[in-house]
């Protein structure tokens, strides 16, 4: 996955995201912030799923992999990942 556009995003601890290329701003929840941070660090999808489970203290009943895939698809739709 090409994350060069994601690396340009400015992220705040509160989930505020600024895209300096377009000037657009948006917010993400805690899980979204973890995913964006991990992608900017170059982590794989599997590593992101594990990180979410660990940091969000998920018990395993959640379908985290599907949620991450859905989030990545939305990023691609917005031209932020490909």
PDB file of N, CA and C in Angstrom:
ATOM      1  N   UNK A   1       0.842  -1.174   0.000  1.00  0.00           N
ATOM      2  CA  UNK A   1       0.000   0.000   0.000  1.00  0.00           C
ATOM      3  C   UNK A   1       0.890   1.239   0.000  1.00  0.00           C
ATOM      4  N   UNK A   2       0.563   2.158  -0.886  1.00  0.00           N
ATOM      5  CA  UNK A   2       1.291   3.418  -0.971  1.00  0.00           C
ATOM      6  C   UNK A   2       0.754   4.374   0.091  1.00  0.00           C
ATOM      7  N   UNK A   3       1.607   4.719   1.022  1.00  0.00           N
ATOM      8  CA  UNK A   3       1.183   5.598   2.120  1.00  0.00           C
ATOM      9  C   UNK A   3       1.899   6.945   2.090  1.00  0.00           C
ATOM     10  N   UNK A   4       2.472   7.298   0.942  1.00  0.00           N
ATOM     11  CA  UNK A   4       3.218   8.556   0.872  1.00  0.00           C
ATOM     12  C   UNK A   4       2.333   9.758   1.201  1.00  0.00           C
ATOM     13  N   UNK A   5       1.083   9.745   0.762  1.00  0.00           N
ATOM     14  CA  UNK A   5       0.161  10.842   1.105  1.00  0.00           C
ATOM     15  C   UNK A   5      -0.146  10.854   2.594  1.00  0.00           C
ATOM     16  N   UNK A   6      -0.278   9.676   3.193  1.00  0.00           N
ATOM     17  CA  UNK A   6      -0.572   9.605   4.626  1.00  0.00           C
ATOM     18  C   UNK A   6       0.555  10.203   5.455  1.00  0.00           C
ATOM     19  N   UNK A   7       1.767  10.029   4.991  1.00  0.00           N
ATOM     20  CA  UNK A   7       2.913  10.547   5.748  1.00  0.00           C
ATOM     21  C   UNK A   7       2.894  12.068   5.831  1.00  0.00           C
ATOM     22  N   UNK A   8       2.168  12.709   4.925  1.00  0.00           N
ATOM     23  CA  UNK A   8       2.083  14.170   4.928  1.00  0.00           C
ATOM     24  C   UNK A   8       1.039  14.695   5.910  1.00  0.00           C
ATOM     25  N   UNK A   9       0.144  13.828   6.367  1.00  0.00           N
ATOM     26  CA  UNK A   9      -0.919  14.267   7.268  1.00  0.00           C
ATOM     27  C   UNK A   9      -0.355  14.693   8.620  1.00  0.00           C
ATOM     28  N   UNK A  10      -0.945  15.727   9.173  1.00  0.00           N
ATOM     29  CA  UNK A  10      -0.611  16.154  10.534  1.00  0.00           C
ATOM     30  C   UNK A  10      -1.677  15.587  11.459  1.00  0.00           C
ATOM     31  N   UNK A  11      -1.244  14.849  12.484  1.00  0.00           N
ATOM     32  CA  UNK A  11      -2.161  14.213  13.431  1.00  0.00           C
ATOM     33  C   UNK A  11      -1.990  14.829  14.810  1.00  0.00           C
ATOM     34  N   UNK A  12      -3.104  15.085  15.470  1.00  0.00           N
ATOM     35  CA  UNK A  12      -3.025  15.535  16.859  1.00  0.00           C
ATOM     36  C   UNK A  12      -3.447  14.383  17.763  1.00  0.00           C
ATOM     37  N   UNK A  13      -3.075  14.473  19.013  1.00  0.00           N
ATOM     38  CA  UNK A  13      -3.436  13.431  19.975  1.00  0.00           C
ATOM     39  C   UNK A  13      -4.943  13.315  20.172  1.00  0.00           C
ATOM     40  N   UNK A  14      -5.667  14.368  19.844  1.00  0.00           N
ATOM     41  CA  UNK A  14      -7.125  14.352  20.022  1.00  0.00           C
ATOM     42  C   UNK A  14      -7.863  13.753  18.826  1.00  0.00           C
ATOM     43  N   UNK A  15      -7.119  13.398  17.767  1.00  0.00           N
ATOM     44  CA  UNK A  15      -7.750  12.809  16.590  1.00  0.00           C
ATOM     45  C   UNK A  15      -8.036  13.794  15.476  1.00  0.00           C
ATOM     46  N   UNK A  16      -7.565  15.021  15.627  1.00  0.00           N
ATOM     47  CA  UNK A  16      -7.716  16.028  14.581  1.00  0.00           C
ATOM     48  C   UNK A  16      -6.659  15.759  13.521  1.00  0.00           C
ATOM     49  N   UNK A  17      -7.078  15.714  12.254  1.00  0.00           N
ATOM     50  CA  UNK A  17      -6.165  15.405  11.154  1.00  0.00           C
ATOM     51  C   UNK A  17      -6.220  16.543  10.137  1.00  0.00           C
ATOM     52  N   UNK A  18      -5.050  16.989   9.708  1.00  0.00           N
ATOM     53  CA  UNK A  18      -4.952  18.041   8.699  1.00  0.00           C
ATOM     54  C   UNK A  18      -4.178  17.516   7.506  1.00  0.00           C
ATOM     55  N   UNK A  19      -4.763  17.687   6.317  1.00  0.00           N
ATOM     56  CA  UNK A  19      -4.112  17.307   5.067  1.00  0.00           C
ATOM     57  C   UNK A  19      -3.562  18.583   4.433  1.00  0.00           C
ATOM     58  N   UNK A  20      -2.243  18.793   4.477  1.00  0.00           N
ATOM     59  CA  UNK A  20      -1.678  20.033   3.944  1.00  0.00           C
ATOM     60  C   UNK A  20      -1.760  20.137   2.425  1.00  0.00           C
ATOM     61  N   UNK A  21      -1.941  19.029   1.750  1.00  0.00           N
ATOM     62  CA  UNK A  21      -2.039  19.046   0.291  1.00  0.00           C
ATOM     63  C   UNK A  21      -3.358  19.672  -0.153  1.00  0.00           C
ATOM     64  N   UNK A  22      -4.450  19.260   0.491  1.00  0.00           N
ATOM     65  CA  UNK A  22      -5.775  19.741   0.092  1.00  0.00           C
ATOM     66  C   UNK A  22      -6.310  20.841   0.998  1.00  0.00           C
ATOM     67  N   UNK A  23      -5.748  20.947   2.200  1.00  0.00           N
ATOM     68  CA  UNK A  23      -6.267  21.888   3.181  1.00  0.00           C
ATOM     69  C   UNK A  23      -7.444  21.342   3.962  1.00  0.00           C
ATOM     70  N   UNK A  24      -7.825  20.104   3.688  1.00  0.00           N
ATOM     71  CA  UNK A  24      -8.965  19.494   4.378  1.00  0.00           C
ATOM     72  C   UNK A  24      -8.579  19.068   5.790  1.00  0.00           C
ATOM     73  N   UNK A  25      -9.550  19.120   6.667  1.00  0.00           N
ATOM     74  CA  UNK A  25      -9.378  18.622   8.026  1.00  0.00           C
ATOM     75  C   UNK A  25     -10.482  17.623   8.317  1.00  0.00           C
ATOM     76  N   UNK A  26     -10.189  16.689   9.179  1.00  0.00           N
ATOM     77  CA  UNK A  26     -11.190  15.738   9.632  1.00  0.00           C
ATOM     78  C   UNK A  26     -10.761  15.196  10.977  1.00  0.00           C
ATOM     79  N   UNK A  27     -11.651  14.480  11.606  1.00  0.00           N
ATOM     80  CA  UNK A  27     -11.328  13.874  12.895  1.00  0.00           C
ATOM     81  C   UNK A  27     -11.514  12.370  12.809  1.00  0.00           C
ATOM     82  N   UNK A  28     -10.751  11.671  13.619  1.00  0.00           N
ATOM     83  CA  UNK A  28     -10.869  10.223  13.739  1.00  0.00           C
ATOM     84  C   UNK A  28     -10.955   9.873  15.219  1.00  0.00           C
ATOM     85  N   UNK A  29     -11.523   8.722  15.499  1.00  0.00           N
ATOM     86  CA  UNK A  29     -11.583   8.268  16.886  1.00  0.00           C
ATOM     87  C   UNK A  29     -10.229   7.674  17.279  1.00  0.00           C
ATOM     88  N   UNK A  30     -10.136   7.163  18.486  1.00  0.00           N
ATOM     89  CA  UNK A  30      -8.866   6.632  19.001  1.00  0.00           C
ATOM     90  C   UNK A  30      -8.329   5.504  18.131  1.00  0.00           C
ATOM     91  N   UNK A  31      -9.210   4.632  17.674  1.00  0.00           N
ATOM     92  CA  UNK A  31      -8.773   3.521  16.820  1.00  0.00           C
ATOM     93  C   UNK A  31      -8.248   4.046  15.487  1.00  0.00           C
ATOM     94  N   UNK A  32      -8.948   5.011  14.910  1.00  0.00           N
ATOM     95  CA  UNK A  32      -8.500   5.596  13.650  1.00  0.00           C
ATOM     96  C   UNK A  32      -7.152   6.273  13.787  1.00  0.00           C
ATOM     97  N   UNK A  33      -6.929   6.913  14.911  1.00  0.00           N
ATOM     98  CA  UNK A  33      -5.649   7.568  15.167  1.00  0.00           C
ATOM     99  C   UNK A  33      -4.523   6.540  15.257  1.00  0.00           C
ATOM    100  N   UNK A  34      -4.797   5.415  15.889  1.00  0.00           N
ATOM    101  CA  UNK A  34      -3.800   4.341  15.969  1.00  0.00           C
ATOM    102  C   UNK A  34      -3.481   3.826  14.573  1.00  0.00           C
ATOM    103  N   UNK A  35      -4.513   3.605  13.758  1.00  0.00           N
ATOM    104  CA  UNK A  35      -4.303   3.092  12.405  1.00  0.00           C
ATOM    105  C   UNK A  35      -3.488   4.086  11.581  1.00  0.00           C
ATOM    106  N   UNK A  36      -3.867   5.352  11.593  1.00  0.00           N
ATOM    107  CA  UNK A  36      -3.128   6.354  10.817  1.00  0.00           C
ATOM    108  C   UNK A  36      -1.679   6.462  11.279  1.00  0.00           C
ATOM    109  N   UNK A  37      -1.458   6.473  12.574  1.00  0.00           N
ATOM    110  CA  UNK A  37      -0.092   6.556  13.105  1.00  0.00           C
ATOM    111  C   UNK A  37       0.728   5.352  12.669  1.00  0.00           C
ATOM    112  N   UNK A  38       0.129   4.184  12.750  1.00  0.00           N
ATOM    113  CA  UNK A  38       0.831   2.956  12.370  1.00  0.00           C
ATOM    114  C   UNK A  38       1.152   2.946  10.878  1.00  0.00           C
ATOM    115  N   UNK A  39       0.217   3.401  10.058  1.00  0.00           N
ATOM    116  CA  UNK A  39       0.466   3.466   8.620  1.00  0.00           C
ATOM    117  C   UNK A  39       1.599   4.433   8.305  1.00  0.00           C
ATOM    118  N   UNK A  40       1.617   5.570   8.974  1.00  0.00           N
ATOM    119  CA  UNK A  40       2.690   6.545   8.767  1.00  0.00           C
ATOM    120  C   UNK A  40       4.044   5.965   9.160  1.00  0.00           C
ATOM    121  N   UNK A  41       4.033   5.030  10.123  1.00  0.00           N
ATOM    122  CA  UNK A  41       5.265   4.371  10.571  1.00  0.00           C
ATOM    123  C   UNK A  41       5.648   3.205   9.667  1.00  0.00           C
ATOM    124  N   UNK A  42       4.789   2.882   8.692  1.00  0.00           N
ATOM    125  CA  UNK A  42       5.088   1.803   7.757  1.00  0.00           C
ATOM    126  C   UNK A  42       4.716   0.416   8.237  1.00  0.00           C
ATOM    127  N   UNK A  43       3.864   0.328   9.249  1.00  0.00           N
ATOM    128  CA  UNK A  43       3.479  -0.980   9.776  1.00  0.00           C
ATOM    129  C   UNK A  43       2.527  -1.704   8.825  1.00  0.00           C
ATOM    130  N   UNK A  44       2.601  -3.020   8.840  1.00  0.00           N
ATOM    131  CA  UNK A  44       1.728  -3.856   8.014  1.00  0.00           C
ATOM    132  C   UNK A  44       0.327  -3.911   8.615  1.00  0.00           C
ATOM    133  N   UNK A  45      -0.613  -4.373   7.810  1.00  0.00           N
ATOM    134  CA  UNK A  45      -1.987  -4.510   8.286  1.00  0.00           C
ATOM    135  C   UNK A  45      -2.052  -5.443   9.487  1.00  0.00           C
ATOM    136  N   UNK A  46      -1.326  -6.557   9.431  1.00  0.00           N
ATOM    137  CA  UNK A  46      -1.327  -7.497  10.559  1.00  0.00           C
ATOM    138  C   UNK A  46      -0.784  -6.844  11.827  1.00  0.00           C
ATOM    139  N   UNK A  47       0.271  -6.056  11.674  1.00  0.00           N
ATOM    140  CA  UNK A  47       0.846  -5.369  12.834  1.00  0.00           C
ATOM    141  C   UNK A  47      -0.136  -4.337  13.392  1.00  0.00           C
ATOM    142  N   UNK A  48      -0.875  -3.682  12.505  1.00  0.00           N
ATOM    143  CA  UNK A  48      -1.860  -2.692  12.946  1.00  0.00           C
ATOM    144  C   UNK A  48      -2.977  -3.369  13.725  1.00  0.00           C
ATOM    145  N   UNK A  49      -3.443  -4.515  13.235  1.00  0.00           N
ATOM    146  CA  UNK A  49      -4.496  -5.261  13.935  1.00  0.00           C
ATOM    147  C   UNK A  49      -4.018  -5.637  15.332  1.00  0.00           C
ATOM    148  N   UNK A  50      -2.789  -6.143  15.423  1.00  0.00           N
ATOM    149  CA  UNK A  50      -2.244  -6.522  16.735  1.00  0.00           C
ATOM    150  C   UNK A  50      -2.129  -5.299  17.645  1.00  0.00           C
ATOM    151  N   UNK A  51      -1.646  -4.206  17.094  1.00  0.00           N
ATOM    152  CA  UNK A  51      -1.492  -2.972  17.883  1.00  0.00           C
ATOM    153  C   UNK A  51      -2.841  -2.479  18.407  1.00  0.00           C
ATOM    154  N   UNK A  52      -3.868  -2.530  17.554  1.00  0.00           N
ATOM    155  CA  UNK A  52      -5.204  -2.125  17.995  1.00  0.00           C
ATOM    156  C   UNK A  52      -5.698  -3.010  19.130  1.00  0.00           C
ATOM    157  N   UNK A  53      -5.525  -4.320  18.962  1.00  0.00           N
ATOM    158  CA  UNK A  53      -5.966  -5.252  20.011  1.00  0.00           C
ATOM    159  C   UNK A  53      -5.263  -4.949  21.330  1.00  0.00           C
ATOM    160  N   UNK A  54      -3.967  -4.679  21.252  1.00  0.00           N
ATOM    161  CA  UNK A  54      -3.184  -4.413  22.463  1.00  0.00           C
ATOM    162  C   UNK A  54      -3.543  -3.065  23.094  1.00  0.00           C
ATOM    163  N   UNK A  55      -3.533  -2.014  22.284  1.00  0.00           N
ATOM    164  CA  UNK A  55      -3.725  -0.665  22.826  1.00  0.00           C
ATOM    165  C   UNK A  55      -5.169  -0.365  23.203  1.00  0.00           C
ATOM    166  N   UNK A  56      -6.117  -1.001  22.532  1.00  0.00           N
ATOM    167  CA  UNK A  56      -7.531  -0.754  22.820  1.00  0.00           C
ATOM    168  C   UNK A  56      -8.099  -1.813  23.767  1.00  0.00           C
ATOM    169  N   UNK A  57      -7.222  -2.735  24.202  1.00  0.00           N
ATOM    170  CA  UNK A  57      -7.604  -3.801  25.135  1.00  0.00           C
ATOM    171  C   UNK A  57      -8.840  -4.555  24.653  1.00  0.00           C
ATOM    172  N   UNK A  58      -8.779  -5.012  23.396  1.00  0.00           N
ATOM    173  CA  UNK A  58      -9.887  -5.769  22.817  1.00  0.00           C
ATOM    174  C   UNK A  58      -9.760  -7.225  23.213  1.00  0.00           C
ATOM    175  N   UNK A  59     -10.891  -7.869  23.390  1.00  0.00           N
ATOM    176  CA  UNK A  59     -10.882  -9.243  23.889  1.00  0.00           C
ATOM    177  C   UNK A  59     -10.837 -10.296  22.791  1.00  0.00           C
ATOM    178  N   UNK A  60     -10.828  -9.896  21.546  1.00  0.00           N
ATOM    179  CA  UNK A  60     -10.758 -10.857  20.456  1.00  0.00           C
ATOM    180  C   UNK A  60     -12.084 -11.132  19.796  1.00  0.00           C
ATOM    181  N   UNK A  61     -13.178 -10.695  20.389  1.00  0.00           N
ATOM    182  CA  UNK A  61     -14.481 -10.945  19.781  1.00  0.00           C
ATOM    183  C   UNK A  61     -14.768  -9.961  18.648  1.00  0.00           C
ATOM    184  N   UNK A  62     -14.050  -8.855  18.617  1.00  0.00           N
ATOM    185  CA  UNK A  62     -14.239  -7.867  17.570  1.00  0.00           C
ATOM    186  C   UNK A  62     -13.537  -8.324  16.289  1.00  0.00           C
ATOM    187  N   UNK A  63     -14.097  -7.987  15.142  1.00  0.00           N
ATOM    188  CA  UNK A  63     -13.460  -8.319  13.873  1.00  0.00           C
ATOM    189  C   UNK A  63     -12.567  -7.155  13.464  1.00  0.00           C
ATOM    190  N   UNK A  64     -11.440  -7.060  14.135  1.00  0.00           N
ATOM    191  CA  UNK A  64     -10.543  -5.924  13.957  1.00  0.00           C
ATOM    192  C   UNK A  64      -9.971  -5.894  12.546  1.00  0.00           C
ATOM    193  N   UNK A  65      -9.605  -7.047  12.009  1.00  0.00           N
ATOM    194  CA  UNK A  65      -9.017  -7.088  10.668  1.00  0.00           C
ATOM    195  C   UNK A  65      -9.986  -6.521   9.634  1.00  0.00           C
ATOM    196  N   UNK A  66     -11.252  -6.876   9.736  1.00  0.00           N
ATOM    197  CA  UNK A  66     -12.251  -6.357   8.795  1.00  0.00           C
ATOM    198  C   UNK A  66     -12.403  -4.850   8.965  1.00  0.00           C
ATOM    199  N   UNK A  67     -12.421  -4.387  10.205  1.00  0.00           N
ATOM    200  CA  UNK A  67     -12.549  -2.953  10.461  1.00  0.00           C
ATOM    201  C   UNK A  67     -11.358  -2.173   9.899  1.00  0.00           C
ATOM    202  N   UNK A  68     -10.162  -2.725  10.049  1.00  0.00           N
ATOM    203  CA  UNK A  68      -8.969  -2.074   9.500  1.00  0.00           C
ATOM    204  C   UNK A  68      -9.059  -2.041   7.978  1.00  0.00           C
ATOM    205  N   UNK A  69      -9.456  -3.153   7.367  1.00  0.00           N
ATOM    206  CA  UNK A  69      -9.608  -3.185   5.909  1.00  0.00           C
ATOM    207  C   UNK A  69     -10.627  -2.153   5.436  1.00  0.00           C
ATOM    208  N   UNK A  70     -11.729  -2.025   6.152  1.00  0.00           N
ATOM    209  CA  UNK A  70     -12.747  -1.024   5.804  1.00  0.00           C
ATOM    210  C   UNK A  70     -12.179   0.395   5.909  1.00  0.00           C
ATOM    211  N   UNK A  71     -11.420   0.649   6.963  1.00  0.00           N
ATOM    212  CA  UNK A  71     -10.824   1.972   7.152  1.00  0.00           C
ATOM    213  C   UNK A  71      -9.836   2.272   6.027  1.00  0.00           C
ATOM    214  N   UNK A  72      -9.029   1.272   5.653  1.00  0.00           N
ATOM    215  CA  UNK A  72      -8.064   1.451   4.568  1.00  0.00           C
ATOM    216  C   UNK A  72      -8.779   1.724   3.248  1.00  0.00           C
ATOM    217  N   UNK A  73      -9.903   1.057   3.028  1.00  0.00           N
ATOM    218  CA  UNK A  73     -10.684   1.289   1.809  1.00  0.00           C
ATOM    219  C   UNK A  73     -11.204   2.724   1.771  1.00  0.00           C
ATOM    220  N   UNK A  74     -11.632   3.219   2.908  1.00  0.00           N
ATOM    221  CA  UNK A  74     -12.119   4.612   2.963  1.00  0.00           C
ATOM    222  C   UNK A  74     -10.981   5.604   2.710  1.00  0.00           C
ATOM    223  N   UNK A  75      -9.801   5.293   3.225  1.00  0.00           N
ATOM    224  CA  UNK A  75      -8.648   6.155   2.952  1.00  0.00           C
ATOM    225  C   UNK A  75      -8.342   6.170   1.459  1.00  0.00           C
ATOM    226  N   UNK A  76      -8.414   4.999   0.830  1.00  0.00           N
ATOM    227  CA  UNK A  76      -8.163   4.907  -0.611  1.00  0.00           C
ATOM    228  C   UNK A  76      -9.206   5.697  -1.396  1.00  0.00           C
ATOM    229  N   UNK A  77     -10.466   5.618  -0.975  1.00  0.00           N
ATOM    230  CA  UNK A  77     -11.532   6.377  -1.643  1.00  0.00           C
ATOM    231  C   UNK A  77     -11.266   7.874  -1.601  1.00  0.00           C
ATOM    232  N   UNK A  78     -10.631   8.328  -0.536  1.00  0.00           N
ATOM    233  CA  UNK A  78     -10.332   9.750  -0.367  1.00  0.00           C
ATOM    234  C   UNK A  78      -8.988  10.143  -0.997  1.00  0.00           C
ATOM    235  N   UNK A  79      -8.325   9.169  -1.626  1.00  0.00           N
ATOM    236  CA  UNK A  79      -7.050   9.440  -2.273  1.00  0.00           C
ATOM    237  C   UNK A  79      -5.882   9.549  -1.317  1.00  0.00           C
ATOM    238  N   UNK A  80      -6.059   9.058  -0.101  1.00  0.00           N
ATOM    239  CA  UNK A  80      -4.994   9.154   0.901  1.00  0.00           C
ATOM    240  C   UNK A  80      -4.108   7.923   0.953  1.00  0.00           C
ATOM    241  N   UNK A  81      -4.549   6.841   0.375  1.00  0.00           N
ATOM    242  CA  UNK A  81      -3.760   5.603   0.338  1.00  0.00           C
ATOM    243  C   UNK A  81      -4.140   4.865  -0.931  1.00  0.00           C
ATOM    244  N   UNK A  82      -3.243   4.033  -1.377  1.00  0.00           N
ATOM    245  CA  UNK A  82      -3.563   3.304  -2.602  1.00  0.00           C
ATOM    246  C   UNK A  82      -2.785   2.042  -2.733  1.00  0.00           C
TER     247      UNK A  82
END
